[in-house]
Amino acid sequence: MPDAEPNRKDLKLVEELGREAGAIALSYFGKDPEVWWKEGDSPVSQADFAVDAFLKEKLLEARPDYGWLSEETEDSDERLGALRTFVVDPIDGTRGFINGMDRWCVSIAVVEDNRPVVGVLVAPVLQQTLSAALGVGTMLDGGTASVRAPTDTLIMTGPRPFLNATEDFADRAVEKTPFIPSLAWRLAMVAMGEIDVALARGSARDWDLAAADLIVHEAGGRLTDMRSKALSYNCPSTRQGSLVASNADHHDEMLDLARRAMNKQRQA
């Protein structure tokens, strides 16, 4: 088994700085920070830039040989040659952050060999921190997190049309959660045992997914594309396809349900 000690050390660093970054973001929350609009009608706020600058300075100061990939930093091919790379979303769920919603988070992962080995999500308004290291497990505020066992009701989150289409194919009652602005947090709800399955359209990027991916995996879940393939991170392209996260023991069933729903949407 690979030595888990480097992952534990990186996890401690990322947790500490992630909480500090969360406090910085929280200092802007509800105070009408300045907002700009990026390509694709995506907002970025003063808080996003402040958190990004803090994390880039502090993480790379502690690990100067690591690569850097962040939603709010101009990308560089230098990261492709690094043994380990930080993959960061300073505020995942910026639109919700701007609108005063509580389910947004700071997302930080460490990626090695195209897979996350450390992942941390800090949700300051909820006062919750999810963290995982490869081979160590997933923790929620110091306690162990694990996926939900199946029940008579299938609890799902994701794009509403996608969820609506699943009801025709599910073999049990379907309960759909309200909208959650952070994709990372939506996926992590599988790891916390709050939902059975999370669905995502094919528009997410590495920084939305890497930390949550490991958190789901170490809690007994799986996150894959529609072909049942694990995701690769820190590649030249950072865009990912449509995704499903669920309990690992029932992932094939959830994938089949998602594929049927996707086909129904395409034919509509």
C-alpha atoms as a PDB file:
ATOM      1  CA  MET A   1       0.000   0.000   0.000  1.00  0.00           C
ATOM      2  CA  PRO A   2       1.361   3.492  -0.823  1.00  0.00           C
ATOM      3  CA  ASP A   3       2.729   5.556   2.043  1.00  0.00           C
ATOM      4  CA  ALA A   4      -0.132   7.724   3.313  1.00  0.00           C
ATOM      5  CA  GLU A   5       2.114  10.082   5.337  1.00  0.00           C
ATOM      6  CA  PRO A   6       2.690  12.659   2.529  1.00  0.00           C
ATOM      7  CA  ASN A   7      -1.074  12.783   2.036  1.00  0.00           C
ATOM      8  CA  ARG A   8      -1.658  13.313   5.753  1.00  0.00           C
ATOM      9  CA  LYS A   9       0.832  16.188   5.784  1.00  0.00           C
ATOM     10  CA  ASP A  10      -0.754  17.821   2.764  1.00  0.00           C
ATOM     11  CA  LEU A  11      -4.208  17.286   4.250  1.00  0.00           C
ATOM     12  CA  LYS A  12      -3.230  19.110   7.450  1.00  0.00           C
ATOM     13  CA  LEU A  13      -1.841  22.030   5.426  1.00  0.00           C
ATOM     14  CA  VAL A  14      -4.856  22.254   3.126  1.00  0.00           C
ATOM     15  CA  GLU A  15      -7.344  22.008   5.997  1.00  0.00           C
ATOM     16  CA  GLU A  16      -5.664  24.811   7.930  1.00  0.00           C
ATOM     17  CA  LEU A  17      -5.384  27.153   4.960  1.00  0.00           C
ATOM     18  CA  GLY A  18      -8.828  26.168   3.686  1.00  0.00           C
ATOM     19  CA  ARG A  19     -10.420  27.300   6.929  1.00  0.00           C
ATOM     20  CA  GLU A  20      -8.495  30.581   6.800  1.00  0.00           C
ATOM     21  CA  ALA A  21      -9.621  31.046   3.203  1.00  0.00           C
ATOM     22  CA  GLY A  22     -13.196  30.355   4.279  1.00  0.00           C
ATOM     23  CA  ALA A  23     -12.959  33.102   6.880  1.00  0.00           C
ATOM     24  CA  ILE A  24     -11.739  35.523   4.203  1.00  0.00           C
ATOM     25  CA  ALA A  25     -14.669  34.628   1.953  1.00  0.00           C
ATOM     26  CA  LEU A  26     -17.090  34.969   4.856  1.00  0.00           C
ATOM     27  CA  SER A  27     -15.834  38.500   5.539  1.00  0.00           C
ATOM     28  CA  TYR A  28     -17.312  39.504   2.147  1.00  0.00           C
ATOM     29  CA  PHE A  29     -20.518  37.485   2.445  1.00  0.00           C
ATOM     30  CA  GLY A  30     -23.690  39.536   2.537  1.00  0.00           C
ATOM     31  CA  LYS A  31     -21.753  42.783   2.079  1.00  0.00           C
ATOM     32  CA  ASP A  32     -22.379  43.373  -1.638  1.00  0.00           C
ATOM     33  CA  PRO A  33     -18.857  42.659  -2.934  1.00  0.00           C
ATOM     34  CA  GLU A  34     -17.963  43.930  -6.388  1.00  0.00           C
ATOM     35  CA  VAL A  35     -18.891  41.445  -9.130  1.00  0.00           C
ATOM     36  CA  TRP A  36     -17.626  40.981 -12.682  1.00  0.00           C
ATOM     37  CA  TRP A  37     -18.960  38.710 -15.447  1.00  0.00           C
ATOM     38  CA  LYS A  38     -16.813  36.181 -17.258  1.00  0.00           C
ATOM     39  CA  GLU A  39     -17.361  34.432 -20.557  1.00  0.00           C
ATOM     40  CA  GLY A  40     -20.451  32.244 -20.432  1.00  0.00           C
ATOM     41  CA  ASP A  41     -22.329  34.626 -18.104  1.00  0.00           C
ATOM     42  CA  SER A  42     -20.446  33.314 -15.072  1.00  0.00           C
ATOM     43  CA  PRO A  43     -19.937  35.714 -12.139  1.00  0.00           C
ATOM     44  CA  VAL A  44     -16.718  36.286 -10.219  1.00  0.00           C
ATOM     45  CA  SER A  45     -16.570  38.446  -7.118  1.00  0.00           C
ATOM     46  CA  GLN A  46     -14.069  40.445  -5.149  1.00  0.00           C
ATOM     47  CA  ALA A  47     -14.158  37.604  -2.614  1.00  0.00           C
ATOM     48  CA  ASP A  48     -13.156  34.995  -5.227  1.00  0.00           C
ATOM     49  CA  PHE A  49     -10.050  36.984  -6.117  1.00  0.00           C
ATOM     50  CA  ALA A  50      -9.140  37.616  -2.470  1.00  0.00           C
ATOM     51  CA  VAL A  51      -9.376  33.931  -1.570  1.00  0.00           C
ATOM     52  CA  ASP A  52      -7.491  32.889  -4.701  1.00  0.00           C
ATOM     53  CA  ALA A  53      -4.611  35.268  -3.978  1.00  0.00           C
ATOM     54  CA  PHE A  54      -4.383  34.110  -0.353  1.00  0.00           C
ATOM     55  CA  LEU A  55      -4.362  30.412  -1.205  1.00  0.00           C
ATOM     56  CA  LYS A  56      -1.901  30.737  -4.067  1.00  0.00           C
ATOM     57  CA  GLU A  57       0.569  32.637  -1.891  1.00  0.00           C
ATOM     58  CA  LYS A  58       0.299  30.410   1.178  1.00  0.00           C
ATOM     59  CA  LEU A  59       0.029  27.000  -0.488  1.00  0.00           C
ATOM     60  CA  LEU A  60       2.894  27.570  -2.900  1.00  0.00           C
ATOM     61  CA  GLU A  61       4.989  29.095  -0.141  1.00  0.00           C
ATOM     62  CA  ALA A  62       4.578  25.825   1.775  1.00  0.00           C
ATOM     63  CA  ARG A  63       4.960  23.583  -1.314  1.00  0.00           C
ATOM     64  CA  PRO A  64       6.967  25.562  -3.905  1.00  0.00           C
ATOM     65  CA  ASP A  65       7.469  22.549  -6.166  1.00  0.00           C
ATOM     66  CA  TYR A  66       3.731  21.917  -6.600  1.00  0.00           C
ATOM     67  CA  GLY A  67       1.773  23.014  -9.651  1.00  0.00           C
ATOM     68  CA  TRP A  68      -1.185  25.401  -9.527  1.00  0.00           C
ATOM     69  CA  LEU A  69      -4.583  25.211 -11.229  1.00  0.00           C
ATOM     70  CA  SER A  70      -7.356  27.560 -10.120  1.00  0.00           C
ATOM     71  CA  GLU A  71     -10.545  28.887 -11.642  1.00  0.00           C
ATOM     72  CA  GLU A  72      -9.434  32.460 -10.959  1.00  0.00           C
ATOM     73  CA  THR A  73      -5.793  32.240 -12.070  1.00  0.00           C
ATOM     74  CA  GLU A  74      -4.683  32.267 -15.695  1.00  0.00           C
ATOM     75  CA  ASP A  75      -3.696  28.713 -16.577  1.00  0.00           C
ATOM     76  CA  SER A  76      -0.112  27.699 -17.347  1.00  0.00           C
ATOM     77  CA  ASP A  77       1.313  24.484 -18.803  1.00  0.00           C
ATOM     78  CA  GLU A  78       3.916  24.502 -16.012  1.00  0.00           C
ATOM     79  CA  ARG A  79       1.478  22.577 -13.830  1.00  0.00           C
ATOM     80  CA  LEU A  80       1.632  19.597 -16.207  1.00  0.00           C
ATOM     81  CA  GLY A  81       5.252  18.904 -15.258  1.00  0.00           C
ATOM     82  CA  ALA A  82       4.694  18.986 -11.488  1.00  0.00           C
ATOM     83  CA  LEU A  83       4.576  15.798  -9.433  1.00  0.00           C
ATOM     84  CA  ARG A  84       1.708  17.251  -7.402  1.00  0.00           C
ATOM     85  CA  THR A  85      -0.647  20.107  -8.262  1.00  0.00           C
ATOM     86  CA  PHE A  86      -3.064  22.158  -6.179  1.00  0.00           C
ATOM     87  CA  VAL A  87      -6.485  22.330  -7.864  1.00  0.00           C
ATOM     88  CA  VAL A  88      -8.526  25.162  -6.375  1.00  0.00           C
ATOM     89  CA  ASP A  89     -11.923  26.778  -6.651  1.00  0.00           C
ATOM     90  CA  PRO A  90     -11.734  29.803  -4.325  1.00  0.00           C
ATOM     91  CA  ILE A  91     -15.530  29.925  -4.030  1.00  0.00           C
ATOM     92  CA  ASP A  92     -17.477  27.081  -5.590  1.00  0.00           C
ATOM     93  CA  GLY A  93     -21.015  28.382  -5.986  1.00  0.00           C
ATOM     94  CA  THR A  94     -20.192  32.051  -6.543  1.00  0.00           C
ATOM     95  CA  ARG A  95     -23.683  32.826  -7.844  1.00  0.00           C
ATOM     96  CA  GLY A  96     -25.179  31.496  -4.615  1.00  0.00           C
ATOM     97  CA  PHE A  97     -22.552  33.355  -2.577  1.00  0.00           C
ATOM     98  CA  ILE A  98     -23.537  36.634  -4.260  1.00  0.00           C
ATOM     99  CA  ASN A  99     -27.237  35.922  -3.686  1.00  0.00           C
ATOM    100  CA  GLY A 100     -26.836  35.202   0.033  1.00  0.00           C
ATOM    101  CA  MET A 101     -27.319  31.422  -0.139  1.00  0.00           C
ATOM    102  CA  ASP A 102     -25.490  29.251   2.378  1.00  0.00           C
ATOM    103  CA  ARG A 103     -24.292  26.228   0.334  1.00  0.00           C
ATOM    104  CA  TRP A 104     -21.081  27.503  -1.233  1.00  0.00           C
ATOM    105  CA  CYS A 105     -17.597  26.372  -0.319  1.00  0.00           C
ATOM    106  CA  VAL A 106     -13.858  26.746  -0.721  1.00  0.00           C
ATOM    107  CA  SER A 107     -12.596  23.704  -2.663  1.00  0.00           C
ATOM    108  CA  ILE A 108      -8.946  22.580  -2.570  1.00  0.00           C
ATOM    109  CA  ALA A 109      -7.447  19.345  -3.897  1.00  0.00           C
ATOM    110  CA  VAL A 110      -3.963  17.950  -4.328  1.00  0.00           C
ATOM    111  CA  VAL A 111      -3.634  15.916  -7.524  1.00  0.00           C
ATOM    112  CA  GLU A 112      -0.906  13.391  -8.298  1.00  0.00           C
ATOM    113  CA  ASP A 113      -0.784  11.185 -11.417  1.00  0.00           C
ATOM    114  CA  ASN A 114      -4.052  12.768 -12.596  1.00  0.00           C
ATOM    115  CA  ARG A 115      -6.026  11.723  -9.516  1.00  0.00           C
ATOM    116  CA  PRO A 116      -6.793  13.556  -6.249  1.00  0.00           C
ATOM    117  CA  VAL A 117      -4.885  12.383  -3.187  1.00  0.00           C
ATOM    118  CA  VAL A 118      -6.139  15.133  -0.841  1.00  0.00           C
ATOM    119  CA  GLY A 119      -9.445  16.990  -0.906  1.00  0.00           C
ATOM    120  CA  VAL A 120     -10.981  19.632   1.359  1.00  0.00           C
ATOM    121  CA  LEU A 121     -14.283  21.512   1.155  1.00  0.00           C
ATOM    122  CA  VAL A 122     -14.910  24.327   3.637  1.00  0.00           C
ATOM    123  CA  ALA A 123     -18.466  25.703   3.874  1.00  0.00           C
ATOM    124  CA  PRO A 124     -18.158  28.726   6.185  1.00  0.00           C
ATOM    125  CA  VAL A 125     -21.847  29.629   6.490  1.00  0.00           C
ATOM    126  CA  LEU A 126     -22.748  26.026   7.315  1.00  0.00           C
ATOM    127  CA  GLN A 127     -19.697  25.838   9.615  1.00  0.00           C
ATOM    128  CA  GLN A 128     -18.785  22.478   8.078  1.00  0.00           C
ATOM    129  CA  THR A 129     -15.507  21.093   6.760  1.00  0.00           C
ATOM    130  CA  LEU A 130     -15.243  17.922   4.709  1.00  0.00           C
ATOM    131  CA  SER A 131     -11.797  16.466   4.182  1.00  0.00           C
ATOM    132  CA  ALA A 132     -10.227  13.325   2.748  1.00  0.00           C
ATOM    133  CA  ALA A 133      -6.832  11.831   1.984  1.00  0.00           C
ATOM    134  CA  LEU A 134      -6.288   8.785  -0.187  1.00  0.00           C
ATOM    135  CA  GLY A 135      -6.332   5.687   1.962  1.00  0.00           C
ATOM    136  CA  VAL A 136      -7.273   7.639   5.082  1.00  0.00           C
ATOM    137  CA  GLY A 137     -11.050   8.107   4.727  1.00  0.00           C
ATOM    138  CA  THR A 138     -13.433  11.054   4.708  1.00  0.00           C
ATOM    139  CA  MET A 139     -14.029  13.249   7.735  1.00  0.00           C
ATOM    140  CA  LEU A 140     -16.861  15.680   8.430  1.00  0.00           C
ATOM    141  CA  ASP A 141     -15.929  18.092  11.232  1.00  0.00           C
ATOM    142  CA  GLY A 142     -13.739  15.483  12.898  1.00  0.00           C
ATOM    143  CA  GLY A 143     -16.154  12.560  12.542  1.00  0.00           C
ATOM    144  CA  THR A 144     -16.253   9.870   9.886  1.00  0.00           C
ATOM    145  CA  ALA A 145     -18.461  10.446   6.844  1.00  0.00           C
ATOM    146  CA  SER A 146     -19.926   7.622   4.765  1.00  0.00           C
ATOM    147  CA  VAL A 147     -22.403   7.103   1.960  1.00  0.00           C
ATOM    148  CA  ARG A 148     -26.070   6.391   2.521  1.00  0.00           C
ATOM    149  CA  ALA A 149     -27.475   2.849   2.404  1.00  0.00           C
ATOM    150  CA  PRO A 150     -30.384   2.402  -0.053  1.00  0.00           C
ATOM    151  CA  THR A 151     -33.955   2.936   1.185  1.00  0.00           C
ATOM    152  CA  ASP A 152     -37.407   2.962  -0.408  1.00  0.00           C
ATOM    153  CA  THR A 153     -36.806   6.557  -1.538  1.00  0.00           C
ATOM    154  CA  LEU A 154     -34.097   7.652  -3.966  1.00  0.00           C
ATOM    155  CA  ILE A 155     -32.856  11.115  -2.963  1.00  0.00           C
ATOM    156  CA  MET A 156     -31.241  12.972  -5.871  1.00  0.00           C
ATOM    157  CA  THR A 157     -29.714  16.303  -6.749  1.00  0.00           C
ATOM    158  CA  GLY A 158     -28.729  17.810 -10.070  1.00  0.00           C
ATOM    159  CA  PRO A 159     -30.152  19.805 -12.988  1.00  0.00           C
ATOM    160  CA  ARG A 160     -33.965  19.813 -12.683  1.00  0.00           C
ATOM    161  CA  PRO A 161     -34.783  18.526 -16.226  1.00  0.00           C
ATOM    162  CA  PHE A 162     -32.298  15.689 -15.697  1.00  0.00           C
ATOM    163  CA  LEU A 163     -33.896  14.790 -12.357  1.00  0.00           C
ATOM    164  CA  ASN A 164     -37.428  14.950 -13.757  1.00  0.00           C
ATOM    165  CA  ALA A 165     -36.476  12.499 -16.492  1.00  0.00           C
ATOM    166  CA  THR A 166     -35.243   9.920 -13.964  1.00  0.00           C
ATOM    167  CA  GLU A 167     -38.683   9.411 -12.433  1.00  0.00           C
ATOM    168  CA  ASP A 168     -39.870   7.342 -15.409  1.00  0.00           C
ATOM    169  CA  PHE A 169     -37.081   4.818 -14.914  1.00  0.00           C
ATOM    170  CA  ALA A 170     -36.517   4.641 -11.134  1.00  0.00           C
ATOM    171  CA  ASP A 171     -37.793   1.534  -9.343  1.00  0.00           C
ATOM    172  CA  ARG A 172     -38.668   3.526  -6.219  1.00  0.00           C
ATOM    173  CA  ALA A 173     -39.959   6.922  -5.175  1.00  0.00           C
ATOM    174  CA  VAL A 174     -37.719   9.837  -6.171  1.00  0.00           C
ATOM    175  CA  GLU A 175     -37.140  12.831  -3.890  1.00  0.00           C
ATOM    176  CA  LYS A 176     -35.435  15.845  -5.503  1.00  0.00           C
ATOM    177  CA  THR A 177     -33.449  18.287  -3.379  1.00  0.00           C
ATOM    178  CA  PRO A 178     -33.779  22.068  -3.763  1.00  0.00           C
ATOM    179  CA  PHE A 179     -31.191  23.824  -5.921  1.00  0.00           C
ATOM    180  CA  ILE A 180     -27.682  23.889  -4.447  1.00  0.00           C
ATOM    181  CA  PRO A 181     -25.353  26.450  -6.093  1.00  0.00           C
ATOM    182  CA  SER A 182     -22.092  24.609  -5.375  1.00  0.00           C
ATOM    183  CA  LEU A 183     -21.476  21.552  -7.563  1.00  0.00           C
ATOM    184  CA  ALA A 184     -18.711  20.396  -5.227  1.00  0.00           C
ATOM    185  CA  TRP A 185     -21.087  20.487  -2.259  1.00  0.00           C
ATOM    186  CA  ARG A 186     -23.821  18.695  -4.226  1.00  0.00           C
ATOM    187  CA  LEU A 187     -21.419  15.835  -4.922  1.00  0.00           C
ATOM    188  CA  ALA A 188     -20.172  15.835  -1.339  1.00  0.00           C
ATOM    189  CA  MET A 189     -23.735  15.319  -0.090  1.00  0.00           C
ATOM    190  CA  VAL A 190     -23.340  11.757  -1.377  1.00  0.00           C
ATOM    191  CA  ALA A 191     -20.294  11.342   0.875  1.00  0.00           C
ATOM    192  CA  MET A 192     -22.192  12.764   3.862  1.00  0.00           C
ATOM    193  CA  GLY A 193     -25.026  10.271   3.365  1.00  0.00           C
ATOM    194  CA  GLU A 194     -27.563  13.047   2.751  1.00  0.00           C
ATOM    195  CA  ILE A 195     -28.499  11.875  -0.755  1.00  0.00           C
ATOM    196  CA  ASP A 196     -28.180   8.758  -2.891  1.00  0.00           C
ATOM    197  CA  VAL A 197     -27.044  10.229  -6.191  1.00  0.00           C
ATOM    198  CA  ALA A 198     -25.785  13.499  -7.643  1.00  0.00           C
ATOM    199  CA  LEU A 199     -25.912  14.223 -11.370  1.00  0.00           C
ATOM    200  CA  ALA A 200     -23.949  16.848 -13.300  1.00  0.00           C
ATOM    201  CA  ARG A 201     -24.068  18.091 -16.867  1.00  0.00           C
ATOM    202  CA  GLY A 202     -20.965  18.054 -19.069  1.00  0.00           C
ATOM    203  CA  SER A 203     -19.725  21.541 -18.297  1.00  0.00           C
ATOM    204  CA  ALA A 204     -17.802  21.129 -15.031  1.00  0.00           C
ATOM    205  CA  ARG A 205     -14.077  21.781 -14.730  1.00  0.00           C
ATOM    206  CA  ASP A 206     -11.335  20.194 -12.634  1.00  0.00           C
ATOM    207  CA  TRP A 207     -11.624  22.792  -9.880  1.00  0.00           C
ATOM    208  CA  ASP A 208     -15.341  22.036  -9.417  1.00  0.00           C
ATOM    209  CA  LEU A 209     -14.727  18.327  -8.983  1.00  0.00           C
ATOM    210  CA  ALA A 210     -11.289  17.189  -7.786  1.00  0.00           C
ATOM    211  CA  ALA A 211     -11.745  17.670  -4.032  1.00  0.00           C
ATOM    212  CA  ALA A 212     -15.306  16.352  -4.037  1.00  0.00           C
ATOM    213  CA  ASP A 213     -14.255  13.331  -6.107  1.00  0.00           C
ATOM    214  CA  LEU A 214     -11.842  12.101  -3.444  1.00  0.00           C
ATOM    215  CA  ILE A 215     -14.260  12.950  -0.640  1.00  0.00           C
ATOM    216  CA  VAL A 216     -16.928  10.782  -2.296  1.00  0.00           C
ATOM    217  CA  HIS A 217     -14.452   7.963  -2.997  1.00  0.00           C
ATOM    218  CA  GLU A 218     -13.068   7.788   0.538  1.00  0.00           C
ATOM    219  CA  ALA A 219     -16.615   7.773   1.984  1.00  0.00           C
ATOM    220  CA  GLY A 220     -17.489   4.626   0.025  1.00  0.00           C
ATOM    221  CA  GLY A 221     -18.830   6.226  -3.138  1.00  0.00           C
ATOM    222  CA  ARG A 222     -17.873   6.603  -6.787  1.00  0.00           C
ATOM    223  CA  LEU A 223     -17.827   9.571  -9.140  1.00  0.00           C
ATOM    224  CA  THR A 224     -17.538   8.667 -12.825  1.00  0.00           C
ATOM    225  CA  ASP A 225     -18.483   9.819 -16.272  1.00  0.00           C
ATOM    226  CA  MET A 226     -21.348   8.140 -18.130  1.00  0.00           C
ATOM    227  CA  ARG A 227     -18.997   5.403 -19.392  1.00  0.00           C
ATOM    228  CA  SER A 228     -18.188   4.448 -15.781  1.00  0.00           C
ATOM    229  CA  LYS A 229     -14.671   5.871 -16.104  1.00  0.00           C
ATOM    230  CA  ALA A 230     -12.913   7.636 -13.244  1.00  0.00           C
ATOM    231  CA  LEU A 231     -12.025  11.250 -14.012  1.00  0.00           C
ATOM    232  CA  SER A 232      -8.489  12.391 -14.862  1.00  0.00           C
ATOM    233  CA  TYR A 233      -7.301  15.745 -13.523  1.00  0.00           C
ATOM    234  CA  ASN A 234      -4.455  18.150 -14.273  1.00  0.00           C
ATOM    235  CA  CYS A 235      -4.542  17.276 -17.967  1.00  0.00           C
ATOM    236  CA  PRO A 236      -4.164  19.852 -20.766  1.00  0.00           C
ATOM    237  CA  SER A 237      -7.968  20.156 -20.931  1.00  0.00           C
ATOM    238  CA  THR A 238      -9.735  20.799 -17.629  1.00  0.00           C
ATOM    239  CA  ARG A 239     -13.299  20.251 -18.881  1.00  0.00           C
ATOM    240  CA  GLN A 240     -15.182  17.104 -17.819  1.00  0.00           C
ATOM    241  CA  GLY A 241     -18.252  15.328 -19.224  1.00  0.00           C
ATOM    242  CA  SER A 242     -21.603  14.441 -17.678  1.00  0.00           C
ATOM    243  CA  LEU A 243     -21.164  12.791 -14.269  1.00  0.00           C
ATOM    244  CA  VAL A 244     -22.789  10.562 -11.691  1.00  0.00           C
ATOM    245  CA  ALA A 245     -21.841  10.235  -8.007  1.00  0.00           C
ATOM    246  CA  SER A 246     -23.369   7.545  -5.797  1.00  0.00           C
ATOM    247  CA  ASN A 247     -22.766   4.731  -3.334  1.00  0.00           C
ATOM    248  CA  ALA A 248     -20.071   2.566  -4.956  1.00  0.00           C
ATOM    249  CA  ASP A 249     -22.043  -0.653  -4.368  1.00  0.00           C
ATOM    250  CA  HIS A 250     -24.985   0.689  -6.392  1.00  0.00           C
ATOM    251  CA  HIS A 251     -23.149   2.836  -8.912  1.00  0.00           C
ATOM    252  CA  ASP A 252     -23.897   0.669 -11.932  1.00  0.00           C
ATOM    253  CA  GLU A 253     -27.626   0.926 -11.166  1.00  0.00           C
ATOM    254  CA  MET A 254     -27.411   4.715 -10.814  1.00  0.00           C
ATOM    255  CA  LEU A 255     -25.420   5.003 -14.029  1.00  0.00           C
ATOM    256  CA  ASP A 256     -28.075   3.039 -15.909  1.00  0.00           C
ATOM    257  CA  LEU A 257     -30.776   5.328 -14.508  1.00  0.00           C
ATOM    258  CA  ALA A 258     -28.809   8.432 -15.510  1.00  0.00           C
ATOM    259  CA  ARG A 259     -28.180   7.137 -19.029  1.00  0.00           C
ATOM    260  CA  ARG A 260     -31.877   6.439 -19.540  1.00  0.00           C
ATOM    261  CA  ALA A 261     -32.781   9.902 -18.277  1.00  0.00           C
ATOM    262  CA  MET A 262     -30.201  11.491 -20.572  1.00  0.00           C
ATOM    263  CA  ASN A 263     -31.542   9.589 -23.583  1.00  0.00           C
ATOM    264  CA  LYS A 264     -35.079  10.701 -22.764  1.00  0.00           C
ATOM    265  CA  GLN A 265     -33.945  14.325 -22.615  1.00  0.00           C
ATOM    266  CA  ARG A 266     -32.198  14.031 -25.973  1.00  0.00           C
ATOM    267  CA  GLN A 267     -35.325  12.614 -27.594  1.00  0.00           C
ATOM    268  CA  ALA A 268     -37.620  15.257 -26.124  1.00  0.00           C
END
